[in-house]
Amino acid sequence: MTQTIPTAEDRISVYWQTGCTSCLRTKEFLTEHGIEFRSRNVLEDDTALDELARFGLRQVPIVVRGDEWANGQILRDVAKLCGIPWGDDRILPPEELRRRINTIIAATRENTLKLPQSEMQTNLPNRPRSYADLVYHTFNIVDAFVEQEEGIPLVYESYYRLPPKEMQTPEGLAAYGDHVARRFNDWFDANGKSVDWSERVDVYYGEQSRHDFLERTTWHSGQHARQLIWVLERLGIEPAHRFAPDAFRGLPIPEKVWDSEAA
């Protein structure tokens, strides 16, 4: 969705925050196409959010060009805003996306059990998100897909839920991953072949088909699963599971695992 507000400026700005998968992908997408942009990290500069306020926005990633903006979670809208050619969407079949999600959940579960309890409340670099929050978020992304199918619309806050205190152990988080896997596969077994994958779904960031939403659920959770491996490596712990080189082939996942840009 693109909206218009009058202004004299026409430069491109990207509003983002560290650790946000769509933020990183948005910046990489623009860079890949030779688009220069002003980088605005809302976690490091309070005035960045003030700049977004004129559009009535308090979320990221947002790409602004003069008097227009696009949500970075829908790259085709970013492409339109920035004059980047956009070809036909090529999305992996739903059953393949299901297989990828199951691999992501299983890998994250195994790697979560390698996390020391003493590190559960350690925050990611330049981001107020603990390792426990990261794991929970990885699983909760898939849970939110099932919730949407159950009639609970995806809102911005859906992706900012935190694990209850009693869940903040490696075993508790792994059990939540098992729970999410069962819910996801139960839904898919019952509906995967009969549901209309082209149908528009109610998500907060704009117009998406159910198929689009499943694809985003896949690479979004996959990117955070990669970050958990990166966390273990930083702790000097060998991950229980590493992804095969082709694990994310065909998905619009960021190239980098973590955004090293501070501001």
Protein backbone atom coordinates (compact mmCIF):
# COMPACT_ATOMS: atom_id res chain seq x y z
CA MET A 1 0.00 0.00 0.00
CA THR A 2 1.33 3.44 -0.94
CA GLN A 3 -0.07 6.68 0.47
CA THR A 4 0.57 10.32 -0.40
CA ILE A 5 1.33 13.36 1.77
CA PRO A 6 2.56 16.61 0.18
CA THR A 7 6.25 17.56 0.64
CA ALA A 8 8.94 19.22 -1.44
CA GLU A 9 11.53 16.50 -0.92
CA ASP A 10 12.09 13.57 -3.27
CA ARG A 11 14.98 11.67 -1.70
CA ILE A 12 14.58 8.06 -0.66
CA SER A 13 14.83 7.22 3.04
CA VAL A 14 14.63 3.82 4.74
CA TYR A 15 13.38 3.63 8.32
CA TRP A 16 14.53 0.46 10.04
CA GLN A 17 15.79 -1.15 13.24
CA THR A 18 18.54 -3.64 14.05
CA GLY A 19 17.51 -7.30 14.01
CA CYS A 20 14.45 -6.72 11.81
CA THR A 21 14.49 -9.24 8.96
CA SER A 22 12.33 -7.21 6.59
CA CYS A 23 14.40 -4.09 7.32
CA LEU A 24 17.60 -5.83 6.30
CA ARG A 25 15.98 -7.32 3.19
CA THR A 26 14.59 -3.92 2.19
CA LYS A 27 18.01 -2.27 2.39
CA GLU A 28 19.65 -5.13 0.50
CA PHE A 29 16.95 -4.96 -2.19
CA LEU A 30 17.56 -1.26 -2.79
CA THR A 31 21.34 -1.71 -2.78
CA GLU A 32 21.10 -4.61 -5.26
CA HIS A 33 19.30 -2.27 -7.66
CA GLY A 34 21.71 0.62 -7.23
CA ILE A 35 19.27 2.80 -5.30
CA GLU A 36 20.90 5.27 -2.91
CA PHE A 37 18.97 5.98 0.26
CA ARG A 38 19.18 7.80 3.56
CA SER A 39 19.43 5.25 6.38
CA ARG A 40 17.31 6.00 9.48
CA ASN A 41 17.67 3.58 12.43
CA VAL A 42 14.71 4.30 14.73
CA LEU A 43 16.45 2.59 17.67
CA GLU A 44 19.43 4.93 17.48
CA ASP A 45 17.74 8.22 16.56
CA ASP A 46 14.47 9.34 18.14
CA THR A 47 13.97 11.95 15.42
CA ALA A 48 13.59 9.14 12.87
CA LEU A 49 10.26 8.09 14.42
CA ASP A 50 9.22 11.73 14.53
CA GLU A 51 9.80 11.90 10.78
CA LEU A 52 7.50 8.90 10.29
CA ALA A 53 4.83 10.50 12.46
CA ARG A 54 3.74 12.80 9.63
CA PHE A 55 2.52 9.70 7.84
CA GLY A 56 0.82 8.40 10.98
CA LEU A 57 3.33 5.52 11.15
CA ARG A 58 5.10 3.95 14.13
CA GLN A 59 6.48 0.83 12.49
CA VAL A 60 9.36 -0.35 10.31
CA PRO A 61 10.54 -1.00 7.66
CA ILE A 62 9.18 1.99 5.81
CA VAL A 63 10.60 3.42 2.59
CA VAL A 64 9.82 7.09 1.95
CA ARG A 65 10.26 8.95 -1.30
CA GLY A 66 9.24 12.56 -1.14
CA ASP A 67 5.52 12.58 -0.41
CA GLU A 68 4.97 8.82 -0.69
CA TRP A 69 5.78 5.78 1.41
CA ALA A 70 5.74 2.01 1.05
CA ASN A 71 5.92 -0.75 3.63
CA GLY A 72 9.19 -2.64 3.18
CA GLN A 73 7.47 -5.91 3.98
CA ILE A 74 5.99 -5.81 0.47
CA LEU A 75 8.94 -5.42 -1.90
CA ARG A 76 6.77 -5.02 -4.98
CA ASP A 77 5.42 -1.80 -3.41
CA VAL A 78 8.98 -0.67 -2.67
CA ALA A 79 9.93 -1.41 -6.27
CA LYS A 80 7.01 0.65 -7.57
CA LEU A 81 7.86 3.55 -5.28
CA CYS A 82 11.55 3.57 -6.28
CA GLY A 83 11.13 2.87 -10.00
CA ILE A 84 12.57 -0.65 -9.90
CA PRO A 85 11.23 -3.09 -12.54
CA TRP A 86 9.22 -5.90 -10.96
CA GLY A 87 8.67 -9.13 -12.85
CA ASP A 88 6.23 -11.92 -12.11
CA ASP A 89 6.16 -13.24 -8.57
CA ARG A 90 7.72 -16.68 -8.30
CA ILE A 91 6.72 -18.38 -5.07
CA LEU A 92 7.57 -21.92 -4.06
CA PRO A 93 4.58 -24.30 -3.88
CA PRO A 94 2.73 -24.35 -0.54
CA GLU A 95 3.79 -27.93 0.22
CA GLU A 96 7.44 -27.00 -0.29
CA LEU A 97 7.03 -23.98 1.98
CA ARG A 98 5.48 -26.29 4.55
CA ARG A 99 8.50 -28.58 4.34
CA ARG A 100 10.86 -25.64 4.79
CA ILE A 101 8.94 -24.38 7.83
CA ASN A 102 9.07 -27.81 9.46
CA THR A 103 12.83 -27.90 8.87
CA ILE A 104 13.19 -24.43 10.40
CA ILE A 105 11.16 -25.34 13.48
CA ALA A 106 13.04 -28.62 14.00
CA ALA A 107 16.44 -26.94 13.62
CA THR A 108 15.50 -24.12 15.97
CA ARG A 109 14.24 -26.58 18.55
CA GLU A 110 17.53 -28.51 18.49
CA ASN A 111 19.63 -25.37 18.62
CA THR A 112 17.56 -23.89 21.44
CA LEU A 113 18.50 -26.84 23.63
CA LYS A 114 22.17 -25.85 23.17
CA LEU A 115 21.56 -22.39 24.68
CA PRO A 116 22.74 -22.10 28.30
CA GLN A 117 20.08 -21.00 30.77
CA SER A 118 22.53 -18.33 31.96
CA GLU A 119 22.35 -16.65 28.53
CA MET A 120 18.56 -16.56 28.18
CA GLN A 121 18.29 -12.88 29.13
CA THR A 122 21.35 -11.75 27.16
CA ASN A 123 20.37 -9.21 24.49
CA LEU A 124 21.28 -9.28 20.82
CA PRO A 125 23.79 -6.61 19.71
CA ASN A 126 22.20 -3.15 19.39
CA ARG A 127 18.71 -4.56 19.89
CA PRO A 128 16.65 -4.88 23.08
CA ARG A 129 15.70 -8.50 22.32
CA SER A 130 16.96 -11.35 24.49
CA TYR A 131 18.03 -14.75 23.20
CA ALA A 132 14.88 -16.21 24.78
CA ASP A 133 12.79 -13.59 22.95
CA LEU A 134 14.54 -14.45 19.67
CA VAL A 135 13.70 -18.14 19.96
CA TYR A 136 10.12 -17.44 20.97
CA HIS A 137 9.71 -15.01 18.08
CA THR A 138 11.01 -17.59 15.60
CA PHE A 139 8.31 -20.05 16.62
CA ASN A 140 5.64 -17.40 17.14
CA ILE A 141 5.92 -16.21 13.54
CA VAL A 142 4.53 -19.58 12.46
CA ASP A 143 1.98 -19.56 15.28
CA ALA A 144 0.76 -16.17 14.02
CA PHE A 145 0.14 -17.68 10.57
CA VAL A 146 -2.12 -20.32 12.12
CA GLU A 147 -3.85 -17.69 14.25
CA GLN A 148 -4.65 -15.66 11.16
CA GLU A 149 -6.22 -18.74 9.61
CA GLU A 150 -8.25 -19.19 12.79
CA GLY A 151 -9.67 -15.69 12.45
CA ILE A 152 -7.19 -13.68 14.54
CA PRO A 153 -5.87 -10.93 12.22
CA LEU A 154 -2.14 -10.34 12.05
CA VAL A 155 -1.43 -6.95 13.65
CA TYR A 156 1.89 -5.18 14.21
CA GLU A 157 1.95 -6.30 17.84
CA SER A 158 1.60 -9.95 16.83
CA TYR A 159 5.32 -10.08 16.10
CA TYR A 160 6.31 -8.35 19.35
CA ARG A 161 4.89 -10.81 21.85
CA LEU A 162 7.24 -12.07 24.56
CA PRO A 163 7.51 -15.53 26.11
CA PRO A 164 5.91 -15.98 29.53
CA LYS A 165 8.40 -16.24 32.38
CA GLU A 166 7.85 -19.96 32.87
CA MET A 167 8.71 -20.61 29.21
CA GLN A 168 12.07 -18.85 29.32
CA THR A 169 14.18 -22.00 29.55
CA PRO A 170 15.67 -24.04 26.70
CA GLU A 171 13.24 -26.87 27.45
CA GLY A 172 10.24 -24.55 27.76
CA LEU A 173 10.95 -22.85 24.46
CA ALA A 174 11.60 -26.18 22.72
CA ALA A 175 8.22 -27.41 23.98
CA TYR A 176 6.58 -24.31 22.52
CA GLY A 177 8.25 -25.10 19.20
CA ASP A 178 6.77 -28.60 19.32
CA HIS A 179 3.35 -27.09 20.05
CA VAL A 180 3.60 -24.70 17.10
CA ALA A 181 4.72 -27.50 14.76
CA ARG A 182 1.67 -29.58 15.73
CA ARG A 183 -0.70 -26.64 15.23
CA PHE A 184 0.81 -25.75 11.88
CA ASN A 185 0.76 -29.31 10.53
CA ASP A 186 -2.75 -29.98 11.85
CA TRP A 187 -3.95 -26.89 10.00
CA PHE A 188 -2.09 -27.90 6.83
CA ASP A 189 -3.37 -31.48 6.91
CA ALA A 190 -6.94 -30.22 7.23
CA ASN A 191 -6.78 -27.25 4.84
CA GLY A 192 -3.62 -27.23 2.75
CA LYS A 193 -5.11 -28.86 -0.34
CA SER A 194 -8.53 -27.19 -0.26
CA VAL A 195 -7.77 -23.61 0.78
CA ASP A 196 -7.60 -20.85 -1.84
CA TRP A 197 -3.95 -19.80 -1.75
CA SER A 198 -4.64 -16.76 -3.95
CA GLU A 199 -7.20 -15.34 -1.53
CA ARG A 200 -6.34 -12.01 0.12
CA VAL A 201 -5.66 -12.23 3.84
CA ASP A 202 -5.95 -9.70 6.65
CA VAL A 203 -2.40 -8.65 7.55
CA TYR A 204 -1.35 -5.29 8.97
CA TYR A 205 1.30 -4.39 6.40
CA GLY A 206 -0.77 -4.39 3.23
CA GLU A 207 -2.35 -6.49 0.51
CA GLN A 208 -1.10 -10.08 0.57
CA SER A 209 -2.37 -13.38 -0.72
CA ARG A 210 -2.38 -16.37 1.59
CA HIS A 211 0.46 -17.78 -0.51
CA ASP A 212 2.46 -14.54 -0.05
CA PHE A 213 1.86 -14.71 3.68
CA LEU A 214 3.03 -18.33 3.89
CA GLU A 215 6.18 -17.48 1.95
CA ARG A 216 6.92 -14.55 4.24
CA THR A 217 6.28 -16.73 7.28
CA THR A 218 8.85 -19.18 5.92
CA TRP A 219 11.74 -16.81 5.28
CA HIS A 220 10.94 -14.58 8.26
CA SER A 221 11.19 -17.50 10.69
CA GLY A 222 14.14 -18.87 8.70
CA GLN A 223 16.12 -15.65 9.07
CA HIS A 224 15.69 -15.72 12.84
CA ALA A 225 16.67 -19.40 12.87
CA ARG A 226 19.91 -18.36 11.15
CA GLN A 227 20.40 -15.70 13.82
CA LEU A 228 20.14 -18.32 16.57
CA ILE A 229 22.98 -20.27 14.93
CA TRP A 230 24.96 -17.01 14.81
CA VAL A 231 24.26 -16.47 18.53
CA LEU A 232 25.54 -19.95 19.40
CA GLU A 233 28.69 -19.34 17.38
CA ARG A 234 29.27 -16.06 19.24
CA LEU A 235 29.00 -18.00 22.49
CA GLY A 236 31.54 -20.55 21.28
CA ILE A 237 28.90 -23.30 21.12
CA GLU A 238 28.65 -25.69 18.18
CA PRO A 239 25.06 -25.62 16.87
CA ALA A 240 23.15 -28.88 16.90
CA HIS A 241 21.84 -28.18 13.39
CA ARG A 242 23.25 -26.17 10.49
CA PHE A 243 21.19 -25.49 7.39
CA ALA A 244 22.17 -27.01 4.06
CA PRO A 245 23.42 -24.55 1.41
CA ASP A 246 20.12 -24.80 -0.48
CA ALA A 247 17.86 -24.60 2.59
CA PHE A 248 16.57 -21.14 1.64
CA ARG A 249 16.89 -21.34 -2.13
CA GLY A 250 13.94 -19.70 -3.87
CA LEU A 251 13.08 -17.51 -0.87
CA PRO A 252 13.57 -13.71 -0.70
CA ILE A 253 15.64 -14.05 2.48
CA PRO A 254 18.35 -11.49 3.34
CA GLU A 255 21.91 -12.32 2.36
CA LYS A 256 23.29 -11.21 5.72
CA VAL A 257 22.35 -12.91 8.97
CA TRP A 258 22.67 -9.74 11.06
CA ASP A 259 22.68 -6.06 10.17
CA SER A 260 26.04 -4.64 11.24
CA GLU A 261 25.03 -1.05 10.47
CA ALA A 262 24.50 0.86 13.71
CA ALA A 263 22.79 3.99 12.46
